[in-house]
Amino acid sequence: MEKYMILMNGIFLNRIKRYAMNKLYLKSILSSILRIGYQKSSSEKTKKQQKFLISLGLLMSIGGVFWGNILLYLELYFQALIPFSYMLITCINFFYLYKTKDFKRVRFIQMSISFTLPIAFHILMGGFSASGAVVLWSIYAIFASFTFQEQNETKKWLSLYLFILIFLVYFNTSIEESSLGVPANISLLFFTLNISIITLSIYTLFLNYIKSEEELRKELYHLINTDTLTNIPNRRAINQRIHNELTRFKREKVIFCLMLLDIDHFKKINDTYGHEVGDRVLFEFAKFLHTSVRSLDFVGRYGGEEFIIILPETSIENARVFGEQLIKKCTQNSISTSKGNCQFSVSIGLSFINEIDQKMSDIINRADEALYVAKKNGRNQLQSS
């Protein structure tokens, strides 16, 4: 019995492993297909557009195979040519994209067949009732142009779509008279599947669009609030954080301290080792500060070689101890260069929030005054105000 259980467990684990490998393999294939038009010079926007276009083509091609087989089963061979033709043209079009990387032309061809072939299929099947409103698939061309953020193109596709839709509705009776007599249950199946798939696809499309917009907002927020050299918050973000802490102090009496830090003799570092080393000093110093503070603290680059640390819920005594530790650790660090090791020190001006502070410049100015004293007294030290 025990051997049997071991054998069954082995079989079960092998199946899971095989399933996981197959899943990874399929995911790898799909990922490769979605990247067939990529170039080194392609922007992220273009890459997303290509992914969407290829996804649209794959989705409608799968639908084409499905509808084509149903039509073959119903012995509607001529009508079956349209969905199968869509799949064939899509394959050729994407192969052309792979070879030429001409995304603009491929996009136009794909959107054209996505728009025209469902309409042709709708007419050949005998109107809305017989085709199950397959003409709705043409709306993908409109959403595609909308996703590509081509406003003029979207207006053209939308106007053409509405014109043809009105035309089809107006002449629907005449079209139905030439209907091939598709069984009612098949028409109902067509309609149900068309509406379900299109609704789900549109929902997914807008969900991705909203997600994309949210990602863009986050990226924009990061860009306008982050110093590009050191990758820590910039002056704009610092001012916002000080404003928030000042508001919290006035409302809840939550104290905080502010440190203004200045790298000593930074101009000399640039003159001796070069500006590239100077940039490295700024980057490494920012990283050093970021790893030295608590999770609730805030570190930002105020400008040039000046940095600010905000210490919420911290007394002036504890802030002074922390500042002295930073000064000591900073002198122990060095950066290796072609001209030898580059060592540097830091001066700190410390201020504590009090009742007379009405605006954020009050506490910053006191820290700046303390920093001036620290530099005047020989640098590499902390002074408070």
Foldseek 3Di string as FASTA:
>chain_A
DVVVVVVVVVVVVVVVVVVVVVVVVVVVVLVCLLCLLDDPPDDPLNSVLSSVLLVLLVVLLVVLVVVLVVCVVVVVNVLNCLSPVSNVVLVVLSVCSNVPSPVVVSLVVSLVSQQPSQLVSCLQQQHCQRQLPSNVSNCVSLLSCVSSVPVVVNVVSVVVSVVVVVVRVVCSVVSNVPHPCRDNVVSVVSNVVSVVVVVVVVVVSVVVVVVVVVVVVVVVVQVVQADPLQRFGEQVVVQVVLQVLVVCCVVPVWKKKKKKKAWPPLVVVCVPANVVVSSVVQNVLQVVVVVLDDPPKGKYAHDDRIIMIMGINDDPVRVQVSVLVSQVVQQVDWDQDPVGTHGIGMEMFMEIDDDVDDGSVVNVVQSVVQSVVCVVVPHSHYGYD
